Amino acid sequence: SWHDRCGHLNPAGVTRLGKSGRLGKGWEENVGSKAKCIPCLEGKTRRKNTGEGTTRATRPFEVISVDLW
């Protein structure tokens, strides 16, 4: 589909490109289809909350992060 070919562009963007003549003939097919795009759905998912609370440092140098080589 043109949605995939254009880098998962939204339907309005595909329509805009099609009307400008950049997609050639037959671009109207599947533009407004409600088909589920798995990569787009996966990209919109949110992380599951693990329930672990994070504590913030309240004083300077209370928490230090370093990279070890």
PDB file of N, CA and C in Angstrom:
ATOM      1  N   SER A   1       0.837  -1.187   0.000  1.00  0.00           N
ATOM      2  CA  SER A   1       0.000   0.000   0.000  1.00  0.00           C
ATOM      3  C   SER A   1       0.881   1.249   0.000  1.00  0.00           C
ATOM      4  N   TRP A   2       0.285   2.350  -0.416  1.00  0.00           N
ATOM      5  CA  TRP A   2       1.039   3.604  -0.434  1.00  0.00           C
ATOM      6  C   TRP A   2       1.401   4.045   0.976  1.00  0.00           C
ATOM      7  N   HIS A   3       0.604   3.683   1.927  1.00  0.00           N
ATOM      8  CA  HIS A   3       0.912   3.987   3.326  1.00  0.00           C
ATOM      9  C   HIS A   3       2.270   3.389   3.697  1.00  0.00           C
ATOM     10  N   ASP A   4       2.498   2.128   3.338  1.00  0.00           N
ATOM     11  CA  ASP A   4       3.776   1.470   3.619  1.00  0.00           C
ATOM     12  C   ASP A   4       4.908   2.074   2.792  1.00  0.00           C
ATOM     13  N   ARG A   5       4.659   2.271   1.514  1.00  0.00           N
ATOM     14  CA  ARG A   5       5.696   2.774   0.612  1.00  0.00           C
ATOM     15  C   ARG A   5       6.171   4.171   0.981  1.00  0.00           C
ATOM     16  N   CYS A   6       5.293   4.951   1.579  1.00  0.00           N
ATOM     17  CA  CYS A   6       5.644   6.330   1.956  1.00  0.00           C
ATOM     18  C   CYS A   6       6.108   6.421   3.406  1.00  0.00           C
ATOM     19  N   GLY A   7       6.565   5.322   3.971  1.00  0.00           N
ATOM     20  CA  GLY A   7       7.086   5.363   5.338  1.00  0.00           C
ATOM     21  C   GLY A   7       6.003   5.478   6.385  1.00  0.00           C
ATOM     22  N   HIS A   8       4.867   4.825   6.150  1.00  0.00           N
ATOM     23  CA  HIS A   8       3.736   4.814   7.082  1.00  0.00           C
ATOM     24  C   HIS A   8       3.129   6.204   7.260  1.00  0.00           C
ATOM     25  N   LEU A   9       3.030   6.907   6.145  1.00  0.00           N
ATOM     26  CA  LEU A   9       2.422   8.236   6.109  1.00  0.00           C
ATOM     27  C   LEU A   9       0.925   8.132   6.385  1.00  0.00           C
ATOM     28  N   ASN A  10       0.377   9.131   7.050  1.00  0.00           N
ATOM     29  CA  ASN A  10      -1.058   9.111   7.373  1.00  0.00           C
ATOM     30  C   ASN A  10      -1.896   9.264   6.103  1.00  0.00           C
ATOM     31  N   PRO A  11      -3.182   8.876   6.154  1.00  0.00           N
ATOM     32  CA  PRO A  11      -4.029   8.935   4.954  1.00  0.00           C
ATOM     33  C   PRO A  11      -4.119  10.324   4.326  1.00  0.00           C
ATOM     34  N   ALA A  12      -4.152  11.366   5.135  1.00  0.00           N
ATOM     35  CA  ALA A  12      -4.220  12.723   4.578  1.00  0.00           C
ATOM     36  C   ALA A  12      -2.956  13.047   3.787  1.00  0.00           C
ATOM     37  N   GLY A  13      -1.822  12.595   4.267  1.00  0.00           N
ATOM     38  CA  GLY A  13      -0.563  12.827   3.557  1.00  0.00           C
ATOM     39  C   GLY A  13      -0.498  12.067   2.242  1.00  0.00           C
ATOM     40  N   VAL A  14      -0.978  10.824   2.246  1.00  0.00           N
ATOM     41  CA  VAL A  14      -1.013  10.038   1.009  1.00  0.00           C
ATOM     42  C   VAL A  14      -1.948  10.703   0.006  1.00  0.00           C
ATOM     43  N   THR A  15      -3.090  11.186   0.467  1.00  0.00           N
ATOM     44  CA  THR A  15      -4.035  11.873  -0.414  1.00  0.00           C
ATOM     45  C   THR A  15      -3.404  13.126  -1.004  1.00  0.00           C
ATOM     46  N   ARG A  16      -2.701  13.882  -0.175  1.00  0.00           N
ATOM     47  CA  ARG A  16      -2.045  15.103  -0.650  1.00  0.00           C
ATOM     48  C   ARG A  16      -1.011  14.773  -1.734  1.00  0.00           C
ATOM     49  N   LEU A  17      -0.204  13.732  -1.516  1.00  0.00           N
ATOM     50  CA  LEU A  17       0.782  13.337  -2.520  1.00  0.00           C
ATOM     51  C   LEU A  17       0.105  12.853  -3.799  1.00  0.00           C
ATOM     52  N   GLY A  18      -0.979  12.093  -3.640  1.00  0.00           N
ATOM     53  CA  GLY A  18      -1.693  11.586  -4.809  1.00  0.00           C
ATOM     54  C   GLY A  18      -2.295  12.689  -5.651  1.00  0.00           C
ATOM     55  N   LYS A  19      -2.906  13.658  -4.996  1.00  0.00           N
ATOM     56  CA  LYS A  19      -3.525  14.770  -5.728  1.00  0.00           C
ATOM     57  C   LYS A  19      -2.485  15.654  -6.403  1.00  0.00           C
ATOM     58  N   SER A  20      -1.269  15.669  -5.859  1.00  0.00           N
ATOM     59  CA  SER A  20      -0.215  16.474  -6.476  1.00  0.00           C
ATOM     60  C   SER A  20       0.398  15.769  -7.685  1.00  0.00           C
ATOM     61  N   GLY A  21       0.032  14.490  -7.895  1.00  0.00           N
ATOM     62  CA  GLY A  21       0.526  13.755  -9.054  1.00  0.00           C
ATOM     63  C   GLY A  21       1.817  13.003  -8.813  1.00  0.00           C
ATOM     64  N   ARG A  22       2.304  12.973  -7.606  1.00  0.00           N
ATOM     65  CA  ARG A  22       3.593  12.335  -7.310  1.00  0.00           C
ATOM     66  C   ARG A  22       3.510  10.822  -7.158  1.00  0.00           C
ATOM     67  N   LEU A  23       2.301  10.280  -7.025  1.00  0.00           N
ATOM     68  CA  LEU A  23       2.165   8.839  -6.827  1.00  0.00           C
ATOM     69  C   LEU A  23       1.731   8.099  -8.083  1.00  0.00           C
ATOM     70  N   GLY A  24       1.471   8.811  -9.144  1.00  0.00           N
ATOM     71  CA  GLY A  24       1.038   8.161 -10.378  1.00  0.00           C
ATOM     72  C   GLY A  24      -0.428   7.761 -10.315  1.00  0.00           C
ATOM     73  N   LYS A  25      -0.791   6.774 -11.135  1.00  0.00           N
ATOM     74  CA  LYS A  25      -2.192   6.346 -11.204  1.00  0.00           C
ATOM     75  C   LYS A  25      -2.457   5.235 -10.205  1.00  0.00           C
ATOM     76  N   GLY A  26      -3.689   5.148  -9.760  1.00  0.00           N
ATOM     77  CA  GLY A  26      -4.098   4.075  -8.862  1.00  0.00           C
ATOM     78  C   GLY A  26      -3.814   4.333  -7.397  1.00  0.00           C
ATOM     79  N   TRP A  27      -3.449   5.529  -7.053  1.00  0.00           N
ATOM     80  CA  TRP A  27      -3.133   5.818  -5.652  1.00  0.00           C
ATOM     81  C   TRP A  27      -4.375   5.867  -4.779  1.00  0.00           C
ATOM     82  N   GLU A  28      -5.552   6.047  -5.400  1.00  0.00           N
ATOM     83  CA  GLU A  28      -6.789   6.179  -4.628  1.00  0.00           C
ATOM     84  C   GLU A  28      -7.164   4.900  -3.888  1.00  0.00           C
ATOM     85  N   GLU A  29      -6.660   3.761  -4.364  1.00  0.00           N
ATOM     86  CA  GLU A  29      -7.003   2.486  -3.736  1.00  0.00           C
ATOM     87  C   GLU A  29      -6.417   2.428  -2.328  1.00  0.00           C
ATOM     88  N   ASN A  30      -7.205   2.010  -1.400  1.00  0.00           N
ATOM     89  CA  ASN A  30      -6.774   1.742  -0.025  1.00  0.00           C
ATOM     90  C   ASN A  30      -6.294   2.965   0.752  1.00  0.00           C
ATOM     91  N   VAL A  31      -6.519   4.174   0.256  1.00  0.00           N
ATOM     92  CA  VAL A  31      -6.058   5.348   1.004  1.00  0.00           C
ATOM     93  C   VAL A  31      -6.809   5.484   2.312  1.00  0.00           C
ATOM     94  N   GLY A  32      -8.109   5.376   2.270  1.00  0.00           N
ATOM     95  CA  GLY A  32      -8.900   5.551   3.479  1.00  0.00           C
ATOM     96  C   GLY A  32      -9.279   4.242   4.139  1.00  0.00           C
ATOM     97  N   SER A  33      -8.592   3.155   3.777  1.00  0.00           N
ATOM     98  CA  SER A  33      -8.987   1.859   4.333  1.00  0.00           C
ATOM     99  C   SER A  33      -8.697   1.817   5.825  1.00  0.00           C
ATOM    100  N   LYS A  34      -9.522   1.090   6.514  1.00  0.00           N
ATOM    101  CA  LYS A  34      -9.382   0.971   7.962  1.00  0.00           C
ATOM    102  C   LYS A  34      -8.534  -0.246   8.339  1.00  0.00           C
ATOM    103  N   ALA A  35      -7.746  -0.752   7.399  1.00  0.00           N
ATOM    104  CA  ALA A  35      -6.903  -1.915   7.675  1.00  0.00           C
ATOM    105  C   ALA A  35      -5.905  -1.569   8.774  1.00  0.00           C
ATOM    106  N   LYS A  36      -5.681  -2.510   9.642  1.00  0.00           N
ATOM    107  CA  LYS A  36      -4.763  -2.295  10.756  1.00  0.00           C
ATOM    108  C   LYS A  36      -3.323  -2.440  10.272  1.00  0.00           C
ATOM    109  N   CYS A  37      -2.513  -1.457  10.514  1.00  0.00           N
ATOM    110  CA  CYS A  37      -1.093  -1.504  10.181  1.00  0.00           C
ATOM    111  C   CYS A  37      -0.356  -1.894  11.464  1.00  0.00           C
ATOM    112  N   ILE A  38       0.150  -3.110  11.511  1.00  0.00           N
ATOM    113  CA  ILE A  38       0.778  -3.623  12.728  1.00  0.00           C
ATOM    114  C   ILE A  38       1.954  -2.747  13.182  1.00  0.00           C
ATOM    115  N   PRO A  39       2.905  -2.358  12.300  1.00  0.00           N
ATOM    116  CA  PRO A  39       4.001  -1.499  12.771  1.00  0.00           C
ATOM    117  C   PRO A  39       3.515  -0.173  13.365  1.00  0.00           C
ATOM    118  N   CYS A  40       2.457   0.414  12.773  1.00  0.00           N
ATOM    119  CA  CYS A  40       1.932   1.673  13.323  1.00  0.00           C
ATOM    120  C   CYS A  40       1.291   1.440  14.684  1.00  0.00           C
ATOM    121  N   LEU A  41       0.550   0.338  14.821  1.00  0.00           N
ATOM    122  CA  LEU A  41      -0.075   0.030  16.108  1.00  0.00           C
ATOM    123  C   LEU A  41       0.975  -0.241  17.175  1.00  0.00           C
ATOM    124  N   GLU A  42       2.034  -0.971  16.811  1.00  0.00           N
ATOM    125  CA  GLU A  42       3.095  -1.257  17.779  1.00  0.00           C
ATOM    126  C   GLU A  42       3.821   0.019  18.190  1.00  0.00           C
ATOM    127  N   GLY A  43       3.960   0.950  17.255  1.00  0.00           N
ATOM    128  CA  GLY A  43       4.624   2.210  17.567  1.00  0.00           C
ATOM    129  C   GLY A  43       3.823   3.095  18.500  1.00  0.00           C
ATOM    130  N   LYS A  44       2.521   2.883  18.559  1.00  0.00           N
ATOM    131  CA  LYS A  44       1.669   3.703  19.417  1.00  0.00           C
ATOM    132  C   LYS A  44       1.427   3.079  20.782  1.00  0.00           C
ATOM    133  N   THR A  45       1.909   1.860  20.995  1.00  0.00           N
ATOM    134  CA  THR A  45       1.677   1.215  22.286  1.00  0.00           C
ATOM    135  C   THR A  45       2.511   1.883  23.360  1.00  0.00           C
ATOM    136  N   ARG A  46       2.047   1.785  24.551  1.00  0.00           N
ATOM    137  CA  ARG A  46       2.765   2.365  25.682  1.00  0.00           C
ATOM    138  C   ARG A  46       3.375   1.256  26.510  1.00  0.00           C
ATOM    139  N   ARG A  47       4.412   1.597  27.224  1.00  0.00           N
ATOM    140  CA  ARG A  47       5.044   0.623  28.097  1.00  0.00           C
ATOM    141  C   ARG A  47       4.130   0.259  29.239  1.00  0.00           C
ATOM    142  N   LYS A  48       4.203  -0.987  29.625  1.00  0.00           N
ATOM    143  CA  LYS A  48       3.408  -1.440  30.753  1.00  0.00           C
ATOM    144  C   LYS A  48       4.065  -0.942  32.038  1.00  0.00           C
ATOM    145  N   ASN A  49       3.269  -0.448  32.947  1.00  0.00           N
ATOM    146  CA  ASN A  49       3.779   0.034  34.219  1.00  0.00           C
ATOM    147  C   ASN A  49       4.231  -1.157  35.055  1.00  0.00           C
ATOM    148  N   THR A  50       5.486  -1.132  35.498  1.00  0.00           N
ATOM    149  CA  THR A  50       6.008  -2.254  36.278  1.00  0.00           C
ATOM    150  C   THR A  50       5.709  -2.104  37.755  1.00  0.00           C
ATOM    151  N   GLY A  51       5.253  -0.933  38.160  1.00  0.00           N
ATOM    152  CA  GLY A  51       4.919  -0.731  39.560  1.00  0.00           C
ATOM    153  C   GLY A  51       6.102  -0.324  40.418  1.00  0.00           C
ATOM    154  N   GLU A  52       7.287  -0.304  39.840  1.00  0.00           N
ATOM    155  CA  GLU A  52       8.459   0.100  40.612  1.00  0.00           C
ATOM    156  C   GLU A  52       8.500   1.623  40.691  1.00  0.00           C
ATOM    157  N   GLY A  53       8.552   2.125  41.883  1.00  0.00           N
ATOM    158  CA  GLY A  53       8.637   3.565  42.045  1.00  0.00           C
ATOM    159  C   GLY A  53      10.079   4.031  41.915  1.00  0.00           C
ATOM    160  N   THR A  54      10.267   5.172  41.334  1.00  0.00           N
ATOM    161  CA  THR A  54      11.608   5.720  41.226  1.00  0.00           C
ATOM    162  C   THR A  54      11.756   6.824  42.251  1.00  0.00           C
ATOM    163  N   THR A  55      12.905   6.884  42.845  1.00  0.00           N
ATOM    164  CA  THR A  55      13.163   7.937  43.824  1.00  0.00           C
ATOM    165  C   THR A  55      14.092   8.959  43.202  1.00  0.00           C
ATOM    166  N   ARG A  56      13.810  10.185  43.445  1.00  0.00           N
ATOM    167  CA  ARG A  56      14.648  11.268  42.941  1.00  0.00           C
ATOM    168  C   ARG A  56      15.607  11.712  44.018  1.00  0.00           C
ATOM    169  N   ALA A  57      16.749  12.130  43.592  1.00  0.00           N
ATOM    170  CA  ALA A  57      17.724  12.660  44.534  1.00  0.00           C
ATOM    171  C   ALA A  57      17.217  13.992  45.075  1.00  0.00           C
ATOM    172  N   THR A  58      17.448  14.208  46.354  1.00  0.00           N
ATOM    173  CA  THR A  58      17.016  15.463  46.967  1.00  0.00           C
ATOM    174  C   THR A  58      18.194  16.378  47.256  1.00  0.00           C
ATOM    175  N   ARG A  59      19.411  15.823  47.205  1.00  0.00           N
ATOM    176  CA  ARG A  59      20.615  16.625  47.447  1.00  0.00           C
ATOM    177  C   ARG A  59      21.616  16.384  46.323  1.00  0.00           C
ATOM    178  N   PRO A  60      22.503  17.316  46.070  1.00  0.00           N
ATOM    179  CA  PRO A  60      23.530  17.109  45.044  1.00  0.00           C
ATOM    180  C   PRO A  60      24.405  15.902  45.392  1.00  0.00           C
ATOM    181  N   PHE A  61      24.749  15.119  44.400  1.00  0.00           N
ATOM    182  CA  PHE A  61      25.606  13.932  44.498  1.00  0.00           C
ATOM    183  C   PHE A  61      24.997  12.802  45.328  1.00  0.00           C
ATOM    184  N   GLU A  62      23.710  12.850  45.583  1.00  0.00           N
ATOM    185  CA  GLU A  62      23.054  11.758  46.299  1.00  0.00           C
ATOM    186  C   GLU A  62      22.974  10.520  45.397  1.00  0.00           C
ATOM    187  N   VAL A  63      22.769  10.748  44.105  1.00  0.00           N
ATOM    188  CA  VAL A  63      22.764   9.668  43.129  1.00  0.00           C
ATOM    189  C   VAL A  63      23.750  10.036  42.034  1.00  0.00           C
ATOM    190  N   ILE A  64      24.665   9.112  41.727  1.00  0.00           N
ATOM    191  CA  ILE A  64      25.675   9.355  40.699  1.00  0.00           C
ATOM    192  C   ILE A  64      25.617   8.208  39.697  1.00  0.00           C
ATOM    193  N   SER A  65      25.590   8.539  38.419  1.00  0.00           N
ATOM    194  CA  SER A  65      25.608   7.534  37.359  1.00  0.00           C
ATOM    195  C   SER A  65      26.907   7.661  36.591  1.00  0.00           C
ATOM    196  N   VAL A  66      27.567   6.528  36.345  1.00  0.00           N
ATOM    197  CA  VAL A  66      28.832   6.539  35.603  1.00  0.00           C
ATOM    198  C   VAL A  66      28.817   5.414  34.578  1.00  0.00           C
ATOM    199  N   ASP A  67      29.597   5.581  33.531  1.00  0.00           N
ATOM    200  CA  ASP A  67      29.816   4.528  32.543  1.00  0.00           C
ATOM    201  C   ASP A  67      31.157   3.884  32.850  1.00  0.00           C
ATOM    202  N   LEU A  68      31.169   2.571  32.974  1.00  0.00           N
ATOM    203  CA  LEU A  68      32.408   1.847  33.220  1.00  0.00           C
ATOM    204  C   LEU A  68      32.887   1.247  31.909  1.00  0.00           C
ATOM    205  N   TRP A  69      34.175   1.351  31.633  1.00  0.00           N
ATOM    206  CA  TRP A  69      34.734   0.829  30.390  1.00  0.00           C
ATOM    207  C   TRP A  69      35.452  -0.428  30.646  1.00  0.00           C
TER     208      TRP A  69
END
